[in-house]
Amino acid sequence: MRSPASISVRSQFHSSTLHSREQAQQLYTSIMMFIRNTDEIYIDFSEIQFVSRSFADELIYLTSASNRRNQIIFCCMNNSVDQMIQAVGNTQNGKSKHSDLPVHKFPNTESLLHYFSE
């Protein structure tokens, strides 16, 4: 088994807010590039304060449609980001057969690293 990889959303966009479908598409492209070399990938939302409904909708749609969706894990989300991701996931039931994405909640990066070390 290969080591899990992670993508820091904050580092990729140099912003604490994400608003557009294009940003979600860019993130998804990065996910697909990294996932080729790993069994699972953690999408680290540390320091992201806000995601728009458009961003969340596009990201959930793309990852749900992927045949690697069970290997993509969103983590380190604050409450508002988590609520938006969950709300959008709940409304997409008609768009995709698979709307359940694994979500591991970590309050901070240290907790995530501790999880990896186990």
PDB file of N, CA and C in Angstrom:
ATOM      1  N   MET A   1       0.835  -1.180   0.000  1.00  0.00           N
ATOM      2  CA  MET A   1       0.000   0.000   0.000  1.00  0.00           C
ATOM      3  C   MET A   1       0.884   1.248   0.000  1.00  0.00           C
ATOM      4  N   ARG A   2       0.547   2.188  -0.842  1.00  0.00           N
ATOM      5  CA  ARG A   2       1.301   3.437  -0.908  1.00  0.00           C
ATOM      6  C   ARG A   2       0.843   4.394   0.177  1.00  0.00           C
ATOM      7  N   SER A   3       1.694   5.351   0.515  1.00  0.00           N
ATOM      8  CA  SER A   3       1.363   6.347   1.533  1.00  0.00           C
ATOM      9  C   SER A   3       0.274   7.283   1.020  1.00  0.00           C
ATOM     10  N   PRO A   4      -0.600   7.717   1.927  1.00  0.00           N
ATOM     11  CA  PRO A   4      -1.633   8.657   1.493  1.00  0.00           C
ATOM     12  C   PRO A   4      -1.017  10.018   1.176  1.00  0.00           C
ATOM     13  N   ALA A   5      -1.604  10.687   0.222  1.00  0.00           N
ATOM     14  CA  ALA A   5      -1.156  12.017  -0.169  1.00  0.00           C
ATOM     15  C   ALA A   5      -2.181  13.027   0.297  1.00  0.00           C
ATOM     16  N   SER A   6      -1.784  14.291   0.293  1.00  0.00           N
ATOM     17  CA  SER A   6      -2.744  15.336   0.634  1.00  0.00           C
ATOM     18  C   SER A   6      -2.502  16.559  -0.231  1.00  0.00           C
ATOM     19  N   ILE A   7      -3.551  17.313  -0.432  1.00  0.00           N
ATOM     20  CA  ILE A   7      -3.487  18.584  -1.142  1.00  0.00           C
ATOM     21  C   ILE A   7      -3.997  19.648  -0.192  1.00  0.00           C
ATOM     22  N   SER A   8      -3.181  20.664   0.030  1.00  0.00           N
ATOM     23  CA  SER A   8      -3.605  21.810   0.827  1.00  0.00           C
ATOM     24  C   SER A   8      -4.334  22.775  -0.097  1.00  0.00           C
ATOM     25  N   VAL A   9      -5.631  22.929   0.124  1.00  0.00           N
ATOM     26  CA  VAL A   9      -6.442  23.819  -0.705  1.00  0.00           C
ATOM     27  C   VAL A   9      -5.964  25.261  -0.537  1.00  0.00           C
ATOM     28  N   ARG A  10      -5.640  25.638   0.682  1.00  0.00           N
ATOM     29  CA  ARG A  10      -5.151  26.996   0.961  1.00  0.00           C
ATOM     30  C   ARG A  10      -3.870  27.281   0.172  1.00  0.00           C
ATOM     31  N   SER A  11      -2.946  26.345   0.162  1.00  0.00           N
ATOM     32  CA  SER A  11      -1.689  26.538  -0.565  1.00  0.00           C
ATOM     33  C   SER A  11      -1.906  26.603  -2.073  1.00  0.00           C
ATOM     34  N   GLN A  12      -2.854  25.842  -2.557  1.00  0.00           N
ATOM     35  CA  GLN A  12      -3.097  25.825  -3.994  1.00  0.00           C
ATOM     36  C   GLN A  12      -3.686  27.143  -4.489  1.00  0.00           C
ATOM     37  N   PHE A  13      -4.586  27.731  -3.712  1.00  0.00           N
ATOM     38  CA  PHE A  13      -5.279  28.934  -4.181  1.00  0.00           C
ATOM     39  C   PHE A  13      -4.804  30.218  -3.501  1.00  0.00           C
ATOM     40  N   HIS A  14      -3.983  30.123  -2.470  1.00  0.00           N
ATOM     41  CA  HIS A  14      -3.484  31.303  -1.756  1.00  0.00           C
ATOM     42  C   HIS A  14      -4.619  32.227  -1.342  1.00  0.00           C
ATOM     43  N   SER A  15      -5.692  31.618  -0.888  1.00  0.00           N
ATOM     44  CA  SER A  15      -6.867  32.371  -0.462  1.00  0.00           C
ATOM     45  C   SER A  15      -7.603  31.551   0.596  1.00  0.00           C
ATOM     46  N   SER A  16      -8.319  32.244   1.474  1.00  0.00           N
ATOM     47  CA  SER A  16      -9.101  31.532   2.482  1.00  0.00           C
ATOM     48  C   SER A  16     -10.558  31.384   2.056  1.00  0.00           C
ATOM     49  N   THR A  17     -10.896  31.885   0.867  1.00  0.00           N
ATOM     50  CA  THR A  17     -12.260  31.751   0.347  1.00  0.00           C
ATOM     51  C   THR A  17     -12.215  31.225  -1.082  1.00  0.00           C
ATOM     52  N   LEU A  18     -13.181  30.405  -1.413  1.00  0.00           N
ATOM     53  CA  LEU A  18     -13.277  29.819  -2.751  1.00  0.00           C
ATOM     54  C   LEU A  18     -14.683  30.067  -3.281  1.00  0.00           C
ATOM     55  N   HIS A  19     -14.763  30.607  -4.494  1.00  0.00           N
ATOM     56  CA  HIS A  19     -16.056  31.072  -4.985  1.00  0.00           C
ATOM     57  C   HIS A  19     -16.525  30.444  -6.292  1.00  0.00           C
ATOM     58  N   SER A  20     -15.628  30.009  -7.133  1.00  0.00           N
ATOM     59  CA  SER A  20     -16.054  29.685  -8.499  1.00  0.00           C
ATOM     60  C   SER A  20     -16.000  28.200  -8.834  1.00  0.00           C
ATOM     61  N   ARG A  21     -16.773  27.862  -9.835  1.00  0.00           N
ATOM     62  CA  ARG A  21     -16.740  26.505 -10.379  1.00  0.00           C
ATOM     63  C   ARG A  21     -15.375  26.219 -11.002  1.00  0.00           C
ATOM     64  N   GLU A  22     -14.758  27.240 -11.578  1.00  0.00           N
ATOM     65  CA  GLU A  22     -13.433  27.077 -12.180  1.00  0.00           C
ATOM     66  C   GLU A  22     -12.404  26.670 -11.127  1.00  0.00           C
ATOM     67  N   GLN A  23     -12.486  27.250  -9.934  1.00  0.00           N
ATOM     68  CA  GLN A  23     -11.575  26.858  -8.855  1.00  0.00           C
ATOM     69  C   GLN A  23     -11.799  25.391  -8.486  1.00  0.00           C
ATOM     70  N   ALA A  24     -13.042  24.970  -8.433  1.00  0.00           N
ATOM     71  CA  ALA A  24     -13.343  23.565  -8.132  1.00  0.00           C
ATOM     72  C   ALA A  24     -12.789  22.648  -9.216  1.00  0.00           C
ATOM     73  N   GLN A  25     -12.893  23.073 -10.468  1.00  0.00           N
ATOM     74  CA  GLN A  25     -12.352  22.279 -11.571  1.00  0.00           C
ATOM     75  C   GLN A  25     -10.832  22.189 -11.483  1.00  0.00           C
ATOM     76  N   GLN A  26     -10.175  23.297 -11.111  1.00  0.00           N
ATOM     77  CA  GLN A  26      -8.721  23.280 -10.940  1.00  0.00           C
ATOM     78  C   GLN A  26      -8.318  22.322  -9.816  1.00  0.00           C
ATOM     79  N   LEU A  27      -9.050  22.375  -8.705  1.00  0.00           N
ATOM     80  CA  LEU A  27      -8.760  21.484  -7.588  1.00  0.00           C
ATOM     81  C   LEU A  27      -8.963  20.033  -8.002  1.00  0.00           C
ATOM     82  N   TYR A  28     -10.040  19.744  -8.706  1.00  0.00           N
ATOM     83  CA  TYR A  28     -10.320  18.383  -9.161  1.00  0.00           C
ATOM     84  C   TYR A  28      -9.212  17.879 -10.086  1.00  0.00           C
ATOM     85  N   THR A  29      -8.722  18.749 -10.970  1.00  0.00           N
ATOM     86  CA  THR A  29      -7.621  18.372 -11.865  1.00  0.00           C
ATOM     87  C   THR A  29      -6.391  17.998 -11.049  1.00  0.00           C
ATOM     88  N   SER A  30      -6.090  18.777 -10.017  1.00  0.00           N
ATOM     89  CA  SER A  30      -4.960  18.463  -9.134  1.00  0.00           C
ATOM     90  C   SER A  30      -5.174  17.133  -8.427  1.00  0.00           C
ATOM     91  N   ILE A  31      -6.387  16.907  -7.961  1.00  0.00           N
ATOM     92  CA  ILE A  31      -6.713  15.647  -7.284  1.00  0.00           C
ATOM     93  C   ILE A  31      -6.451  14.464  -8.217  1.00  0.00           C
ATOM     94  N   MET A  32      -6.924  14.573  -9.447  1.00  0.00           N
ATOM     95  CA  MET A  32      -6.765  13.465 -10.393  1.00  0.00           C
ATOM     96  C   MET A  32      -5.298  13.230 -10.749  1.00  0.00           C
ATOM     97  N   MET A  33      -4.494  14.296 -10.777  1.00  0.00           N
ATOM     98  CA  MET A  33      -3.065  14.123 -11.052  1.00  0.00           C
ATOM     99  C   MET A  33      -2.371  13.406  -9.895  1.00  0.00           C
ATOM    100  N   PHE A  34      -2.695  13.790  -8.663  1.00  0.00           N
ATOM    101  CA  PHE A  34      -2.061  13.179  -7.490  1.00  0.00           C
ATOM    102  C   PHE A  34      -2.546  11.756  -7.244  1.00  0.00           C
ATOM    103  N   ILE A  35      -3.808  11.495  -7.498  1.00  0.00           N
ATOM    104  CA  ILE A  35      -4.384  10.198  -7.119  1.00  0.00           C
ATOM    105  C   ILE A  35      -3.833   9.054  -7.977  1.00  0.00           C
ATOM    106  N   ARG A  36      -3.235   9.382  -9.101  1.00  0.00           N
ATOM    107  CA  ARG A  36      -2.626   8.346  -9.936  1.00  0.00           C
ATOM    108  C   ARG A  36      -1.507   7.614  -9.200  1.00  0.00           C
ATOM    109  N   ASN A  37      -0.866   8.311  -8.261  1.00  0.00           N
ATOM    110  CA  ASN A  37       0.299   7.762  -7.571  1.00  0.00           C
ATOM    111  C   ASN A  37       0.037   7.380  -6.125  1.00  0.00           C
ATOM    112  N   THR A  38      -1.220   7.286  -5.723  1.00  0.00           N
ATOM    113  CA  THR A  38      -1.530   6.977  -4.330  1.00  0.00           C
ATOM    114  C   THR A  38      -2.833   6.202  -4.249  1.00  0.00           C
ATOM    115  N   ASP A  39      -3.035   5.543  -3.114  1.00  0.00           N
ATOM    116  CA  ASP A  39      -4.268   4.795  -2.915  1.00  0.00           C
ATOM    117  C   ASP A  39      -5.417   5.690  -2.479  1.00  0.00           C
ATOM    118  N   GLU A  40      -5.103   6.755  -1.748  1.00  0.00           N
ATOM    119  CA  GLU A  40      -6.129   7.698  -1.320  1.00  0.00           C
ATOM    120  C   GLU A  40      -5.495   9.072  -1.203  1.00  0.00           C
ATOM    121  N   ILE A  41      -6.334  10.082  -1.279  1.00  0.00           N
ATOM    122  CA  ILE A  41      -5.836  11.446  -1.198  1.00  0.00           C
ATOM    123  C   ILE A  41      -6.726  12.253  -0.262  1.00  0.00           C
ATOM    124  N   TYR A  42      -6.087  12.990   0.612  1.00  0.00           N
ATOM    125  CA  TYR A  42      -6.790  13.842   1.572  1.00  0.00           C
ATOM    126  C   TYR A  42      -6.791  15.271   1.043  1.00  0.00           C
ATOM    127  N   ILE A  43      -7.958  15.864   0.968  1.00  0.00           N
ATOM    128  CA  ILE A  43      -8.102  17.238   0.523  1.00  0.00           C
ATOM    129  C   ILE A  43      -8.218  18.082   1.789  1.00  0.00           C
ATOM    130  N   ASP A  44      -7.145  18.784   2.102  1.00  0.00           N
ATOM    131  CA  ASP A  44      -6.996  19.509   3.358  1.00  0.00           C
ATOM    132  C   ASP A  44      -7.546  20.929   3.224  1.00  0.00           C
ATOM    133  N   PHE A  45      -8.661  21.189   3.898  1.00  0.00           N
ATOM    134  CA  PHE A  45      -9.311  22.496   3.864  1.00  0.00           C
ATOM    135  C   PHE A  45      -8.896  23.374   5.044  1.00  0.00           C
ATOM    136  N   SER A  46      -7.766  23.094   5.690  1.00  0.00           N
ATOM    137  CA  SER A  46      -7.277  23.936   6.781  1.00  0.00           C
ATOM    138  C   SER A  46      -7.144  25.370   6.281  1.00  0.00           C
ATOM    139  N   GLU A  47      -7.536  26.302   7.127  1.00  0.00           N
ATOM    140  CA  GLU A  47      -7.444  27.738   6.855  1.00  0.00           C
ATOM    141  C   GLU A  47      -8.384  28.224   5.747  1.00  0.00           C
ATOM    142  N   ILE A  48      -9.269  27.379   5.272  1.00  0.00           N
ATOM    143  CA  ILE A  48     -10.302  27.825   4.334  1.00  0.00           C
ATOM    144  C   ILE A  48     -11.502  28.229   5.172  1.00  0.00           C
ATOM    145  N   GLN A  49     -11.898  29.471   5.066  1.00  0.00           N
ATOM    146  CA  GLN A  49     -12.976  30.015   5.876  1.00  0.00           C
ATOM    147  C   GLN A  49     -14.343  29.927   5.207  1.00  0.00           C
ATOM    148  N   PHE A  50     -14.362  29.917   3.865  1.00  0.00           N
ATOM    149  CA  PHE A  50     -15.643  29.967   3.151  1.00  0.00           C
ATOM    150  C   PHE A  50     -15.505  29.311   1.792  1.00  0.00           C
ATOM    151  N   VAL A  51     -16.505  28.519   1.421  1.00  0.00           N
ATOM    152  CA  VAL A  51     -16.655  28.044   0.044  1.00  0.00           C
ATOM    153  C   VAL A  51     -18.065  28.385  -0.403  1.00  0.00           C
ATOM    154  N   SER A  52     -18.181  28.870  -1.622  1.00  0.00           N
ATOM    155  CA  SER A  52     -19.507  29.217  -2.142  1.00  0.00           C
ATOM    156  C   SER A  52     -20.258  27.959  -2.533  1.00  0.00           C
ATOM    157  N   ARG A  53     -21.536  28.108  -2.698  1.00  0.00           N
ATOM    158  CA  ARG A  53     -22.366  26.988  -3.134  1.00  0.00           C
ATOM    159  C   ARG A  53     -21.930  26.516  -4.523  1.00  0.00           C
ATOM    160  N   SER A  54     -21.542  27.449  -5.388  1.00  0.00           N
ATOM    161  CA  SER A  54     -21.086  27.088  -6.737  1.00  0.00           C
ATOM    162  C   SER A  54     -19.832  26.233  -6.683  1.00  0.00           C
ATOM    163  N   PHE A  55     -18.859  26.653  -5.867  1.00  0.00           N
ATOM    164  CA  PHE A  55     -17.629  25.876  -5.717  1.00  0.00           C
ATOM    165  C   PHE A  55     -17.948  24.482  -5.183  1.00  0.00           C
ATOM    166  N   ALA A  56     -18.715  24.423  -4.110  1.00  0.00           N
ATOM    167  CA  ALA A  56     -19.052  23.137  -3.482  1.00  0.00           C
ATOM    168  C   ALA A  56     -19.817  22.240  -4.444  1.00  0.00           C
ATOM    169  N   ASP A  57     -20.771  22.814  -5.163  1.00  0.00           N
ATOM    170  CA  ASP A  57     -21.580  22.036  -6.103  1.00  0.00           C
ATOM    171  C   ASP A  57     -20.701  21.401  -7.179  1.00  0.00           C
ATOM    172  N   GLU A  58     -19.800  22.178  -7.743  1.00  0.00           N
ATOM    173  CA  GLU A  58     -18.928  21.658  -8.799  1.00  0.00           C
ATOM    174  C   GLU A  58     -17.973  20.599  -8.257  1.00  0.00           C
ATOM    175  N   LEU A  59     -17.382  20.860  -7.107  1.00  0.00           N
ATOM    176  CA  LEU A  59     -16.445  19.905  -6.525  1.00  0.00           C
ATOM    177  C   LEU A  59     -17.137  18.584  -6.172  1.00  0.00           C
ATOM    178  N   ILE A  60     -18.296  18.664  -5.563  1.00  0.00           N
ATOM    179  CA  ILE A  60     -19.039  17.450  -5.210  1.00  0.00           C
ATOM    180  C   ILE A  60     -19.475  16.697  -6.465  1.00  0.00           C
ATOM    181  N   TYR A  61     -19.949  17.440  -7.457  1.00  0.00           N
ATOM    182  CA  TYR A  61     -20.370  16.811  -8.709  1.00  0.00           C
ATOM    183  C   TYR A  61     -19.204  16.055  -9.360  1.00  0.00           C
ATOM    184  N   LEU A  62     -18.052  16.713  -9.475  1.00  0.00           N
ATOM    185  CA  LEU A  62     -16.906  16.089 -10.131  1.00  0.00           C
ATOM    186  C   LEU A  62     -16.392  14.880  -9.354  1.00  0.00           C
ATOM    187  N   THR A  63     -16.247  15.021  -8.047  1.00  0.00           N
ATOM    188  CA  THR A  63     -15.707  13.903  -7.262  1.00  0.00           C
ATOM    189  C   THR A  63     -16.699  12.755  -7.168  1.00  0.00           C
ATOM    190  N   SER A  64     -17.989  13.064  -7.120  1.00  0.00           N
ATOM    191  CA  SER A  64     -19.000  12.006  -7.055  1.00  0.00           C
ATOM    192  C   SER A  64     -19.051  11.207  -8.341  1.00  0.00           C
ATOM    193  N   ALA A  65     -18.777  11.864  -9.461  1.00  0.00           N
ATOM    194  CA  ALA A  65     -18.828  11.193 -10.754  1.00  0.00           C
ATOM    195  C   ALA A  65     -17.556  10.383 -11.040  1.00  0.00           C
ATOM    196  N   SER A  66     -16.513  10.624 -10.264  1.00  0.00           N
ATOM    197  CA  SER A  66     -15.236   9.946 -10.480  1.00  0.00           C
ATOM    198  C   SER A  66     -15.310   8.479 -10.058  1.00  0.00           C
ATOM    199  N   ASN A  67     -14.635   7.631 -10.804  1.00  0.00           N
ATOM    200  CA  ASN A  67     -14.565   6.223 -10.400  1.00  0.00           C
ATOM    201  C   ASN A  67     -13.584   6.033  -9.240  1.00  0.00           C
ATOM    202  N   ARG A  68     -12.914   7.099  -8.814  1.00  0.00           N
ATOM    203  CA  ARG A  68     -11.989   7.053  -7.677  1.00  0.00           C
ATOM    204  C   ARG A  68     -12.559   7.780  -6.458  1.00  0.00           C
ATOM    205  N   ARG A  69     -13.863   8.042  -6.471  1.00  0.00           N
ATOM    206  CA  ARG A  69     -14.511   8.861  -5.430  1.00  0.00           C
ATOM    207  C   ARG A  69     -14.283   8.334  -4.014  1.00  0.00           C
ATOM    208  N   ASN A  70     -14.178   7.041  -3.831  1.00  0.00           N
ATOM    209  CA  ASN A  70     -13.968   6.485  -2.494  1.00  0.00           C
ATOM    210  C   ASN A  70     -12.546   6.700  -1.985  1.00  0.00           C
ATOM    211  N   GLN A  71     -11.664   7.143  -2.844  1.00  0.00           N
ATOM    212  CA  GLN A  71     -10.281   7.397  -2.458  1.00  0.00           C
ATOM    213  C   GLN A  71     -10.032   8.880  -2.161  1.00  0.00           C
ATOM    214  N   ILE A  72     -11.030   9.733  -2.381  1.00  0.00           N
ATOM    215  CA  ILE A  72     -10.912  11.176  -2.171  1.00  0.00           C
ATOM    216  C   ILE A  72     -11.574  11.510  -0.843  1.00  0.00           C
ATOM    217  N   ILE A  73     -10.784  12.039   0.087  1.00  0.00           N
ATOM    218  CA  ILE A  73     -11.289  12.300   1.437  1.00  0.00           C
ATOM    219  C   ILE A  73     -11.084  13.769   1.782  1.00  0.00           C
ATOM    220  N   PHE A  74     -12.187  14.461   2.055  1.00  0.00           N
ATOM    221  CA  PHE A  74     -12.129  15.856   2.478  1.00  0.00           C
ATOM    222  C   PHE A  74     -11.849  15.885   3.980  1.00  0.00           C
ATOM    223  N   CYS A  75     -10.937  16.757   4.404  1.00  0.00           N
ATOM    224  CA  CYS A  75     -10.610  16.815   5.822  1.00  0.00           C
ATOM    225  C   CYS A  75     -10.258  18.238   6.250  1.00  0.00           C
ATOM    226  N   CYS A  76     -10.176  18.416   7.560  1.00  0.00           N
ATOM    227  CA  CYS A  76      -9.766  19.677   8.190  1.00  0.00           C
ATOM    228  C   CYS A  76     -10.650  20.855   7.781  1.00  0.00           C
ATOM    229  N   MET A  77     -11.944  20.610   7.704  1.00  0.00           N
ATOM    230  CA  MET A  77     -12.887  21.666   7.331  1.00  0.00           C
ATOM    231  C   MET A  77     -13.418  22.363   8.570  1.00  0.00           C
ATOM    232  N   ASN A  78     -13.549  23.693   8.485  1.00  0.00           N
ATOM    233  CA  ASN A  78     -14.213  24.385   9.578  1.00  0.00           C
ATOM    234  C   ASN A  78     -15.720  24.137   9.445  1.00  0.00           C
ATOM    235  N   ASN A  79     -16.481  24.592  10.408  1.00  0.00           N
ATOM    236  CA  ASN A  79     -17.915  24.310  10.447  1.00  0.00           C
ATOM    237  C   ASN A  79     -18.663  24.812   9.213  1.00  0.00           C
ATOM    238  N   SER A  80     -18.385  26.036   8.779  1.00  0.00           N
ATOM    239  CA  SER A  80     -19.141  26.587   7.649  1.00  0.00           C
ATOM    240  C   SER A  80     -18.821  25.851   6.348  1.00  0.00           C
ATOM    241  N   VAL A  81     -17.565  25.485   6.153  1.00  0.00           N
ATOM    242  CA  VAL A  81     -17.189  24.729   4.954  1.00  0.00           C
ATOM    243  C   VAL A  81     -17.830  23.342   4.999  1.00  0.00           C
ATOM    244  N   ASP A  82     -17.755  22.686   6.137  1.00  0.00           N
ATOM    245  CA  ASP A  82     -18.358  21.369   6.305  1.00  0.00           C
ATOM    246  C   ASP A  82     -19.864  21.418   6.038  1.00  0.00           C
ATOM    247  N   GLN A  83     -20.537  22.420   6.576  1.00  0.00           N
ATOM    248  CA  GLN A  83     -21.984  22.541   6.373  1.00  0.00           C
ATOM    249  C   GLN A  83     -22.326  22.756   4.904  1.00  0.00           C
ATOM    250  N   MET A  84     -21.533  23.571   4.204  1.00  0.00           N
ATOM    251  CA  MET A  84     -21.804  23.803   2.777  1.00  0.00           C
ATOM    252  C   MET A  84     -21.586  22.528   1.974  1.00  0.00           C
ATOM    253  N   ILE A  85     -20.501  21.819   2.251  1.00  0.00           N
ATOM    254  CA  ILE A  85     -20.221  20.561   1.537  1.00  0.00           C
ATOM    255  C   ILE A  85     -21.354  19.556   1.797  1.00  0.00           C
ATOM    256  N   GLN A  86     -21.776  19.448   3.045  1.00  0.00           N
ATOM    257  CA  GLN A  86     -22.864  18.519   3.382  1.00  0.00           C
ATOM    258  C   GLN A  86     -24.174  18.931   2.729  1.00  0.00           C
ATOM    259  N   ALA A  87     -24.497  20.230   2.767  1.00  0.00           N
ATOM    260  CA  ALA A  87     -25.751  20.715   2.186  1.00  0.00           C
ATOM    261  C   ALA A  87     -25.795  20.452   0.687  1.00  0.00           C
ATOM    262  N   VAL A  88     -24.707  20.732   0.013  1.00  0.00           N
ATOM    263  CA  VAL A  88     -24.652  20.499  -1.437  1.00  0.00           C
ATOM    264  C   VAL A  88     -24.718  19.004  -1.732  1.00  0.00           C
ATOM    265  N   GLY A  89     -23.992  18.209  -0.961  1.00  0.00           N
ATOM    266  CA  GLY A  89     -24.041  16.759  -1.155  1.00  0.00           C
ATOM    267  C   GLY A  89     -25.443  16.205  -1.002  1.00  0.00           C
ATOM    268  N   ASN A  90     -26.202  16.750  -0.055  1.00  0.00           N
ATOM    269  CA  ASN A  90     -27.572  16.292   0.163  1.00  0.00           C
ATOM    270  C   ASN A  90     -28.514  16.696  -0.959  1.00  0.00           C
ATOM    271  N   THR A  91     -28.219  17.793  -1.665  1.00  0.00           N
ATOM    272  CA  THR A  91     -29.110  18.242  -2.742  1.00  0.00           C
ATOM    273  C   THR A  91     -28.756  17.639  -4.090  1.00  0.00           C
ATOM    274  N   GLN A  92     -27.634  16.951  -4.185  1.00  0.00           N
ATOM    275  CA  GLN A  92     -27.213  16.390  -5.467  1.00  0.00           C
ATOM    276  C   GLN A  92     -27.680  14.964  -5.690  1.00  0.00           C
ATOM    277  N   ASN A  93     -28.557  14.471  -4.886  1.00  0.00           N
ATOM    278  CA  ASN A  93     -28.987  13.076  -5.017  1.00  0.00           C
ATOM    279  C   ASN A  93     -29.495  12.752  -6.407  1.00  0.00           C
ATOM    280  N   GLY A  94     -30.152  13.691  -7.065  1.00  0.00           N
ATOM    281  CA  GLY A  94     -30.676  13.441  -8.401  1.00  0.00           C
ATOM    282  C   GLY A  94     -29.628  13.512  -9.484  1.00  0.00           C
ATOM    283  N   LYS A  95     -28.482  14.137  -9.240  1.00  0.00           N
ATOM    284  CA  LYS A  95     -27.456  14.324 -10.264  1.00  0.00           C
ATOM    285  C   LYS A  95     -26.506  13.144 -10.387  1.00  0.00           C
ATOM    286  N   SER A  96     -26.339  12.396  -9.335  1.00  0.00           N
ATOM    287  CA  SER A  96     -25.321  11.348  -9.322  1.00  0.00           C
ATOM    288  C   SER A  96     -25.829  10.141  -8.551  1.00  0.00           C
ATOM    289  N   LYS A  97     -25.436   8.981  -9.011  1.00  0.00           N
ATOM    290  CA  LYS A  97     -25.809   7.780  -8.283  1.00  0.00           C
ATOM    291  C   LYS A  97     -25.104   7.711  -6.936  1.00  0.00           C
ATOM    292  N   HIS A  98     -23.913   8.274  -6.842  1.00  0.00           N
ATOM    293  CA  HIS A  98     -23.092   8.168  -5.642  1.00  0.00           C
ATOM    294  C   HIS A  98     -22.835   9.551  -5.064  1.00  0.00           C
ATOM    295  N   SER A  99     -23.599   9.938  -4.056  1.00  0.00           N
ATOM    296  CA  SER A  99     -23.368  11.250  -3.458  1.00  0.00           C
ATOM    297  C   SER A  99     -22.659  11.161  -2.115  1.00  0.00           C
ATOM    298  N   ASP A 100     -22.392   9.957  -1.640  1.00  0.00           N
ATOM    299  CA  ASP A 100     -21.725   9.804  -0.353  1.00  0.00           C
ATOM    300  C   ASP A 100     -20.216   9.772  -0.541  1.00  0.00           C
ATOM    301  N   LEU A 101     -19.566  10.842  -0.110  1.00  0.00           N
ATOM    302  CA  LEU A 101     -18.115  10.907  -0.136  1.00  0.00           C
ATOM    303  C   LEU A 101     -17.613  10.721   1.280  1.00  0.00           C
ATOM    304  N   PRO A 102     -16.533   9.977   1.466  1.00  0.00           N
ATOM    305  CA  PRO A 102     -16.008   9.827   2.826  1.00  0.00           C
ATOM    306  C   PRO A 102     -15.461  11.160   3.324  1.00  0.00           C
ATOM    307  N   VAL A 103     -15.830  11.535   4.529  1.00  0.00           N
ATOM    308  CA  VAL A 103     -15.355  12.770   5.132  1.00  0.00           C
ATOM    309  C   VAL A 103     -14.798  12.434   6.504  1.00  0.00           C
ATOM    310  N   HIS A 104     -13.548  12.742   6.709  1.00  0.00           N
ATOM    311  CA  HIS A 104     -12.911  12.582   8.007  1.00  0.00           C
ATOM    312  C   HIS A 104     -12.719  13.978   8.566  1.00  0.00           C
ATOM    313  N   LYS A 105     -13.204  14.211   9.762  1.00  0.00           N
ATOM    314  CA  LYS A 105     -13.111  15.532  10.356  1.00  0.00           C
ATOM    315  C   LYS A 105     -11.912  15.599  11.288  1.00  0.00           C
ATOM    316  N   PHE A 106     -11.064  16.589  11.018  1.00  0.00           N
ATOM    317  CA  PHE A 106      -9.901  16.851  11.843  1.00  0.00           C
ATOM    318  C   PHE A 106      -9.938  18.329  12.216  1.00  0.00           C
ATOM    319  N   PRO A 107      -9.796  18.657  13.470  1.00  0.00           N
ATOM    320  CA  PRO A 107      -9.879  20.060  13.874  1.00  0.00           C
ATOM    321  C   PRO A 107      -8.692  20.896  13.409  1.00  0.00           C
ATOM    322  N   ASN A 108      -7.568  20.241  13.113  1.00  0.00           N
ATOM    323  CA  ASN A 108      -6.386  20.975  12.684  1.00  0.00           C
ATOM    324  C   ASN A 108      -5.426  20.019  11.989  1.00  0.00           C
ATOM    325  N   THR A 109      -4.378  20.589  11.433  1.00  0.00           N
ATOM    326  CA  THR A 109      -3.395  19.795  10.696  1.00  0.00           C
ATOM    327  C   THR A 109      -2.660  18.821  11.599  1.00  0.00           C
ATOM    328  N   GLU A 110      -2.417  19.209  12.839  1.00  0.00           N
ATOM    329  CA  GLU A 110      -1.741  18.298  13.771  1.00  0.00           C
ATOM    330  C   GLU A 110      -2.545  17.024  13.973  1.00  0.00           C
ATOM    331  N   SER A 111      -3.850  17.151  14.081  1.00  0.00           N
ATOM    332  CA  SER A 111      -4.707  15.972  14.233  1.00  0.00           C
ATOM    333  C   SER A 111      -4.640  15.097  12.989  1.00  0.00           C
ATOM    334  N   LEU A 112      -4.591  15.730  11.834  1.00  0.00           N
ATOM    335  CA  LEU A 112      -4.475  14.986  10.585  1.00  0.00           C
ATOM    336  C   LEU A 112      -3.154  14.219  10.550  1.00  0.00           C
ATOM    337  N   LEU A 113      -2.069  14.871  10.918  1.00  0.00           N
ATOM    338  CA  LEU A 113      -0.765  14.209  10.930  1.00  0.00           C
ATOM    339  C   LEU A 113      -0.731  13.062  11.936  1.00  0.00           C
ATOM    340  N   HIS A 114      -1.376  13.252  13.084  1.00  0.00           N
ATOM    341  CA  HIS A 114      -1.464  12.188  14.068  1.00  0.00           C
ATOM    342  C   HIS A 114      -2.226  10.992  13.480  1.00  0.00           C
ATOM    343  N   TYR A 115      -3.286  11.259  12.751  1.00  0.00           N
ATOM    344  CA  TYR A 115      -4.075  10.203  12.102  1.00  0.00           C
ATOM    345  C   TYR A 115      -3.187   9.430  11.130  1.00  0.00           C
ATOM    346  N   PHE A 116      -2.363  10.160  10.350  1.00  0.00           N
ATOM    347  CA  PHE A 116      -1.472   9.498   9.407  1.00  0.00           C
ATOM    348  C   PHE A 116      -0.429   8.648  10.103  1.00  0.00           C
ATOM    349  N   SER A 117      -0.008   9.076  11.268  1.00  0.00           N
ATOM    350  CA  SER A 117       1.054   8.355  11.963  1.00  0.00           C
ATOM    351  C   SER A 117       0.582   7.049  12.576  1.00  0.00           C
ATOM    352  N   GLU A 118      -0.715   6.866  12.709  1.00  0.00           N
ATOM    353  CA  GLU A 118      -1.232   5.628  13.318  1.00  0.00           C
ATOM    354  C   GLU A 118      -1.294   4.503  12.329  1.00  0.00           C
TER     355      GLU A 118
END
